[in-house]
N, C-alpha and C. Protein backbone atom coordinates (compact mmCIF):
# COMPACT_ATOMS: atom_id res chain seq x y z
N MET A 1 77.37 66.69 99.95
CA MET A 1 78.57 67.24 99.41
C MET A 1 79.68 66.72 100.00
N TYR A 2 79.74 66.64 101.32
CA TYR A 2 80.88 66.13 102.11
C TYR A 2 80.55 64.89 102.56
N GLU A 3 81.43 63.99 102.96
CA GLU A 3 81.24 62.76 103.57
C GLU A 3 80.61 62.70 104.92
N ARG A 4 79.95 61.77 105.15
CA ARG A 4 79.32 61.81 106.52
C ARG A 4 80.13 61.28 107.48
N HIS A 5 79.96 61.56 108.79
CA HIS A 5 80.82 61.11 110.05
C HIS A 5 81.11 59.69 110.10
N ASN A 6 80.31 58.75 109.58
CA ASN A 6 80.43 57.41 109.59
C ASN A 6 81.01 56.86 108.20
N GLN A 7 81.47 57.84 107.32
CA GLN A 7 82.08 57.36 106.26
C GLN A 7 83.71 57.65 106.25
N PRO A 8 84.52 56.86 105.57
CA PRO A 8 86.05 56.93 105.66
C PRO A 8 86.32 58.41 105.21
N LEU A 9 87.60 58.72 105.61
CA LEU A 9 88.10 60.12 105.18
C LEU A 9 88.41 59.99 103.68
N LEU A 10 88.10 61.15 103.14
CA LEU A 10 88.37 61.21 101.65
C LEU A 10 89.82 61.05 101.27
N PRO A 11 90.23 60.45 100.21
CA PRO A 11 91.54 60.33 99.90
C PRO A 11 92.09 61.63 99.59
N ARG A 12 93.52 61.70 99.79
CA ARG A 12 94.17 63.01 99.63
C ARG A 12 93.89 63.56 98.31
N ARG A 13 94.05 62.85 97.22
CA ARG A 13 93.84 63.35 95.94
C ARG A 13 92.45 63.98 95.69
N GLN A 14 91.50 63.24 96.18
CA GLN A 14 90.15 63.78 96.04
C GLN A 14 89.91 64.94 96.90
N PHE A 15 90.46 65.05 98.00
CA PHE A 15 90.42 66.21 98.73
C PHE A 15 90.98 67.44 98.18
N PHE A 16 92.23 67.27 97.71
CA PHE A 16 92.68 68.40 96.89
C PHE A 16 91.95 68.81 95.70
N ARG A 17 91.28 67.90 95.03
CA ARG A 17 90.42 68.40 94.07
C ARG A 17 89.22 69.15 94.56
N ARG A 18 88.62 68.63 95.65
CA ARG A 18 87.55 69.36 96.21
C ARG A 18 88.03 70.83 96.69
N TRP A 19 89.14 70.89 97.29
CA TRP A 19 89.64 72.27 97.79
C TRP A 19 89.83 72.99 96.54
N ALA A 20 90.35 72.58 95.32
CA ALA A 20 90.54 73.25 94.15
C ALA A 20 89.12 73.95 93.74
N ARG A 21 88.20 73.04 93.61
CA ARG A 21 86.90 73.58 93.30
C ARG A 21 86.36 74.68 94.06
N HIS A 22 86.68 74.50 95.49
CA HIS A 22 86.26 75.61 96.34
C HIS A 22 87.02 76.87 96.16
N GLY A 23 88.36 76.63 95.78
CA GLY A 23 89.11 77.88 95.43
C GLY A 23 88.70 78.50 94.24
N VAL A 24 88.30 77.76 93.32
CA VAL A 24 87.78 78.43 91.97
C VAL A 24 86.47 79.23 92.25
N LEU A 25 85.58 78.55 93.08
CA LEU A 25 84.37 79.32 93.41
C LEU A 25 84.66 80.59 94.24
N ALA A 26 85.67 80.55 95.10
CA ALA A 26 85.86 81.76 95.75
C ALA A 26 86.63 82.89 94.91
N ALA A 27 87.46 82.38 94.02
CA ALA A 27 88.15 83.37 93.01
C ALA A 27 87.15 83.93 92.14
N VAL A 28 86.13 83.13 91.76
CA VAL A 28 85.07 83.70 90.70
C VAL A 28 84.31 84.87 91.53
N ALA A 29 83.87 84.62 92.77
CA ALA A 29 83.19 85.48 93.46
C ALA A 29 83.97 86.87 93.74
N LEU A 30 85.30 86.69 94.06
CA LEU A 30 86.18 87.89 94.14
C LEU A 30 86.33 88.66 92.96
N VAL A 31 86.57 87.96 91.75
CA VAL A 31 86.69 88.54 90.35
C VAL A 31 85.47 89.27 90.18
N VAL A 32 84.33 88.47 90.23
CA VAL A 32 82.97 89.32 89.85
C VAL A 32 82.91 90.53 90.75
N SER A 33 83.16 90.42 92.01
CA SER A 33 83.05 91.49 93.03
C SER A 33 83.93 92.73 92.53
N LEU A 34 85.21 92.25 92.22
CA LEU A 34 86.02 93.34 91.80
C LEU A 34 85.64 94.03 90.54
N ALA A 35 84.95 93.29 89.59
CA ALA A 35 84.41 93.97 88.40
C ALA A 35 83.35 94.83 88.63
N ILE A 36 82.42 94.61 89.65
CA ILE A 36 81.27 95.30 90.00
C ILE A 36 81.83 96.54 90.67
N GLY A 37 82.88 96.33 91.52
CA GLY A 37 83.36 97.55 92.32
C GLY A 37 84.07 98.57 91.32
N THR A 38 84.95 97.91 90.38
CA THR A 38 85.65 98.76 89.42
C THR A 38 84.70 99.59 88.59
N SER A 39 83.68 98.76 88.11
CA SER A 39 82.55 99.58 87.19
C SER A 39 81.88 100.55 88.05
N GLY A 40 81.49 100.34 89.15
CA GLY A 40 80.89 101.26 90.02
C GLY A 40 81.55 102.62 90.48
N PHE A 41 82.82 102.37 90.72
CA PHE A 41 83.68 103.54 91.01
C PHE A 41 83.98 104.36 89.88
N HIS A 42 84.10 103.59 88.64
CA HIS A 42 84.40 104.46 87.46
C HIS A 42 83.13 105.29 86.91
N TRP A 43 82.09 104.65 86.98
CA TRP A 43 80.80 105.28 86.44
C TRP A 43 80.14 106.15 87.49
N LEU A 44 80.15 105.75 88.71
CA LEU A 44 79.34 106.63 89.64
C LEU A 44 80.27 107.51 90.55
N ALA A 45 81.42 107.12 90.82
CA ALA A 45 82.32 108.17 91.49
C ALA A 45 83.08 108.83 90.52
N ARG A 46 82.91 108.43 89.17
CA ARG A 46 83.80 109.27 88.16
C ARG A 46 85.15 109.22 88.27
N GLN A 47 85.80 108.10 88.58
CA GLN A 47 87.16 107.80 88.77
C GLN A 47 87.69 107.21 87.44
N SER A 48 88.93 107.48 87.22
CA SER A 48 89.59 106.73 86.09
C SER A 48 89.57 105.18 86.34
N TRP A 49 89.77 104.34 85.37
CA TRP A 49 89.63 102.95 85.58
C TRP A 49 90.78 102.34 86.56
N LEU A 50 91.94 102.97 86.47
CA LEU A 50 92.93 102.67 87.37
C LEU A 50 92.61 102.87 88.84
N ASP A 51 92.16 104.16 89.03
CA ASP A 51 91.74 104.45 90.52
C ASP A 51 90.40 103.68 90.93
N ALA A 52 89.54 103.45 90.02
CA ALA A 52 88.41 102.59 90.41
C ALA A 52 88.83 101.21 90.56
N PHE A 53 89.85 100.62 89.90
CA PHE A 53 90.36 99.29 90.31
C PHE A 53 90.84 99.29 91.67
N LEU A 54 91.78 100.31 91.85
CA LEU A 54 92.43 100.42 93.23
C LEU A 54 91.58 100.40 94.21
N ASN A 55 90.51 101.27 94.32
CA ASN A 55 89.53 101.30 95.36
C ASN A 55 88.90 100.02 95.57
N ALA A 56 88.35 99.43 94.47
CA ALA A 56 87.59 98.23 94.48
C ALA A 56 88.42 97.16 95.24
N ALA A 57 89.78 97.00 94.91
CA ALA A 57 90.72 96.03 95.30
C ALA A 57 90.91 96.30 96.86
N MET A 58 91.25 97.68 97.16
CA MET A 58 91.44 97.93 98.54
C MET A 58 90.37 97.63 99.35
N LEU A 59 89.12 97.88 98.97
CA LEU A 59 87.89 97.57 99.87
C LEU A 59 87.73 96.07 99.99
N LEU A 60 87.83 95.40 98.82
CA LEU A 60 87.80 93.92 98.90
C LEU A 60 88.82 93.29 99.79
N GLY A 61 89.92 93.88 99.92
CA GLY A 61 90.94 93.19 100.76
C GLY A 61 90.82 93.72 102.15
N GLY A 62 89.92 94.60 102.42
CA GLY A 62 89.69 94.95 103.78
C GLY A 62 90.44 96.11 104.17
N MET A 63 91.09 96.88 103.24
CA MET A 63 92.07 98.01 103.58
C MET A 63 91.29 99.30 103.63
N GLY A 64 90.23 99.68 102.93
CA GLY A 64 89.59 100.86 102.90
C GLY A 64 89.81 101.61 101.66
N PRO A 65 88.91 102.60 101.38
CA PRO A 65 89.14 103.37 100.11
C PRO A 65 90.29 104.21 100.12
N VAL A 66 90.65 104.56 98.82
CA VAL A 66 91.68 105.50 98.64
C VAL A 66 91.15 106.74 98.00
N GLY A 67 91.56 108.01 98.63
CA GLY A 67 91.17 109.26 97.87
C GLY A 67 89.71 109.67 98.27
N ASN A 68 89.20 110.79 97.59
CA ASN A 68 88.03 111.40 97.97
C ASN A 68 86.93 110.84 96.85
N PHE A 69 85.72 111.09 97.13
CA PHE A 69 84.60 110.77 96.11
C PHE A 69 83.87 112.11 96.00
N GLU A 70 83.81 112.67 94.91
CA GLU A 70 83.16 113.99 94.75
C GLU A 70 81.71 113.98 94.59
N PRO A 71 81.22 113.33 93.56
CA PRO A 71 79.57 113.21 93.45
C PRO A 71 79.11 112.45 94.70
N PRO A 72 77.90 113.00 95.19
CA PRO A 72 77.27 112.20 96.40
C PRO A 72 76.87 110.55 95.94
N VAL A 73 76.58 110.59 94.74
CA VAL A 73 76.27 109.05 94.47
C VAL A 73 77.33 108.12 94.64
N GLY A 74 78.71 108.64 94.42
CA GLY A 74 79.80 107.89 94.59
C GLY A 74 80.20 107.64 95.94
N LYS A 75 79.87 108.48 96.77
CA LYS A 75 80.07 108.33 98.23
C LYS A 75 79.06 107.09 98.68
N VAL A 76 77.78 107.23 98.20
CA VAL A 76 76.94 106.19 98.74
C VAL A 76 77.37 104.79 98.09
N PHE A 77 77.82 104.83 96.79
CA PHE A 77 78.28 103.62 96.29
C PHE A 77 79.44 102.97 97.14
N ALA A 78 80.28 103.94 97.54
CA ALA A 78 81.43 103.44 98.19
C ALA A 78 81.11 102.85 99.54
N ALA A 79 80.16 103.50 100.26
CA ALA A 79 79.68 103.00 101.43
C ALA A 79 78.92 101.71 101.28
N LEU A 80 78.09 101.52 100.37
CA LEU A 80 77.45 100.10 100.21
C LEU A 80 78.45 99.16 99.57
N TYR A 81 79.25 99.58 98.70
CA TYR A 81 80.28 98.62 98.24
C TYR A 81 81.17 97.98 99.36
N ALA A 82 81.59 98.98 100.38
CA ALA A 82 82.34 98.63 101.52
C ALA A 82 81.60 97.57 102.21
N LEU A 83 80.53 97.57 102.56
CA LEU A 83 79.67 96.69 103.31
C LEU A 83 79.54 95.32 102.46
N TYR A 84 79.33 95.39 101.18
CA TYR A 84 79.24 94.26 100.47
C TYR A 84 80.63 93.62 100.24
N ALA A 85 81.54 94.35 100.14
CA ALA A 85 83.06 93.72 100.08
C ALA A 85 83.31 92.98 101.28
N GLY A 86 83.06 93.53 102.41
CA GLY A 86 83.41 92.81 103.61
C GLY A 86 82.71 91.34 103.82
N ILE A 87 81.36 91.45 103.28
CA ILE A 87 80.69 90.09 103.35
C ILE A 87 81.23 89.31 102.28
N VAL A 88 81.61 89.64 101.05
CA VAL A 88 82.25 88.77 100.12
C VAL A 88 83.45 88.31 100.62
N PHE A 89 84.37 89.13 101.21
CA PHE A 89 85.59 88.63 101.71
C PHE A 89 85.46 87.57 102.82
N LEU A 90 84.69 87.71 103.69
CA LEU A 90 84.31 86.72 104.60
C LEU A 90 83.84 85.31 104.14
N GLY A 91 82.87 85.61 103.14
CA GLY A 91 82.25 84.48 102.47
C GLY A 91 83.34 83.60 101.60
N ALA A 92 84.07 84.44 100.96
CA ALA A 92 85.05 83.73 100.06
C ALA A 92 86.17 83.00 100.90
N SER A 93 86.48 83.63 102.02
CA SER A 93 87.36 82.87 103.02
C SER A 93 86.73 81.64 103.56
N ALA A 94 85.54 81.85 103.87
CA ALA A 94 84.66 80.56 104.48
C ALA A 94 84.66 79.41 103.54
N VAL A 95 84.35 79.68 102.20
CA VAL A 95 84.37 78.77 101.21
C VAL A 95 85.60 78.11 100.95
N LEU A 96 86.69 78.92 101.04
CA LEU A 96 88.11 78.21 100.83
C LEU A 96 88.53 77.40 102.11
N LEU A 97 88.21 77.75 103.18
CA LEU A 97 88.55 77.04 104.34
C LEU A 97 87.61 75.94 104.73
N ALA A 98 86.36 75.87 104.16
CA ALA A 98 85.47 74.93 104.56
C ALA A 98 85.96 73.36 104.52
N PRO A 99 86.51 73.03 103.29
CA PRO A 99 87.11 71.67 103.06
C PRO A 99 88.11 71.27 104.08
N VAL A 100 89.05 72.32 104.46
CA VAL A 100 90.10 71.93 105.34
C VAL A 100 89.50 71.85 106.81
N VAL A 101 88.63 72.59 107.20
CA VAL A 101 88.02 72.57 108.47
C VAL A 101 87.15 71.26 108.67
N HIS A 102 86.51 70.97 107.57
CA HIS A 102 85.74 69.61 107.57
C HIS A 102 86.72 68.39 107.62
N ARG A 103 87.83 68.43 106.99
CA ARG A 103 88.59 67.40 106.93
C ARG A 103 89.30 67.18 108.37
N VAL A 104 89.69 68.21 108.96
CA VAL A 104 90.27 68.08 110.25
C VAL A 104 89.16 67.61 111.26
N LEU A 105 88.12 68.16 111.09
CA LEU A 105 87.06 67.73 112.21
C LEU A 105 86.70 66.21 111.93
N HIS A 106 86.64 65.88 110.66
CA HIS A 106 86.40 64.40 110.16
C HIS A 106 87.42 63.55 110.82
N LYS A 107 88.56 63.82 110.55
CA LYS A 107 89.72 63.15 111.01
C LYS A 107 89.74 63.04 112.67
N LEU A 108 89.39 64.06 113.30
CA LEU A 108 89.37 63.98 114.70
C LEU A 108 88.15 63.04 115.21
N HIS A 109 87.05 63.23 114.42
CA HIS A 109 85.90 62.19 114.82
C HIS A 109 86.32 60.68 114.43
N LEU A 110 87.07 60.61 113.47
CA LEU A 110 87.34 59.07 113.12
C LEU A 110 88.34 58.58 114.25
N SER A 111 89.32 59.38 114.58
CA SER A 111 90.20 59.00 115.58
C SER A 111 89.55 58.75 117.06
N GLU A 112 88.58 59.53 117.23
CA GLU A 112 87.74 59.31 118.52
C GLU A 112 86.96 58.11 118.55
N GLN A 113 86.46 57.62 117.18
CA GLN A 113 85.67 56.47 117.17
C GLN A 113 86.58 55.33 117.44
N GLY A 114 87.95 55.37 116.79
CA GLY A 114 88.85 54.54 116.90
C GLY A 114 89.12 54.08 118.40
N LYS A 115 89.13 55.23 119.25
CA LYS A 115 89.62 54.96 120.69
C LYS A 115 88.37 54.35 121.48
N ARG A 116 87.21 54.44 121.03
CA ARG A 116 86.10 53.83 121.71
C ARG A 116 86.03 52.33 121.44
N LYS A 117 86.39 51.92 120.28
CA LYS A 117 86.34 50.45 119.94
C LYS A 117 87.18 49.61 120.74
């Protein structure tokens, strides 16, 4: 997927295209997770769609839930979704940052090779 250490640095245009693809992948993961959370809070915690969306968004953003959950199944869902949301947030961040980190490390490696010659 990425160029090897002995290959030249990817041209800027292709790098931005790669970064955009990673951004779309991260956005899709977040939107799907937001839909799962909103549906779960609506059906299991018996919240209105707006409150369900708010809770799902807050948990996905790392802020924490808003309000109380009456049914026990809603509390269990909130706890499991909070764990899931933390992993998705970190995963989406990693997917989005991977091309940038790779490019920086690749550039440093190429400049190090230039000094040895």
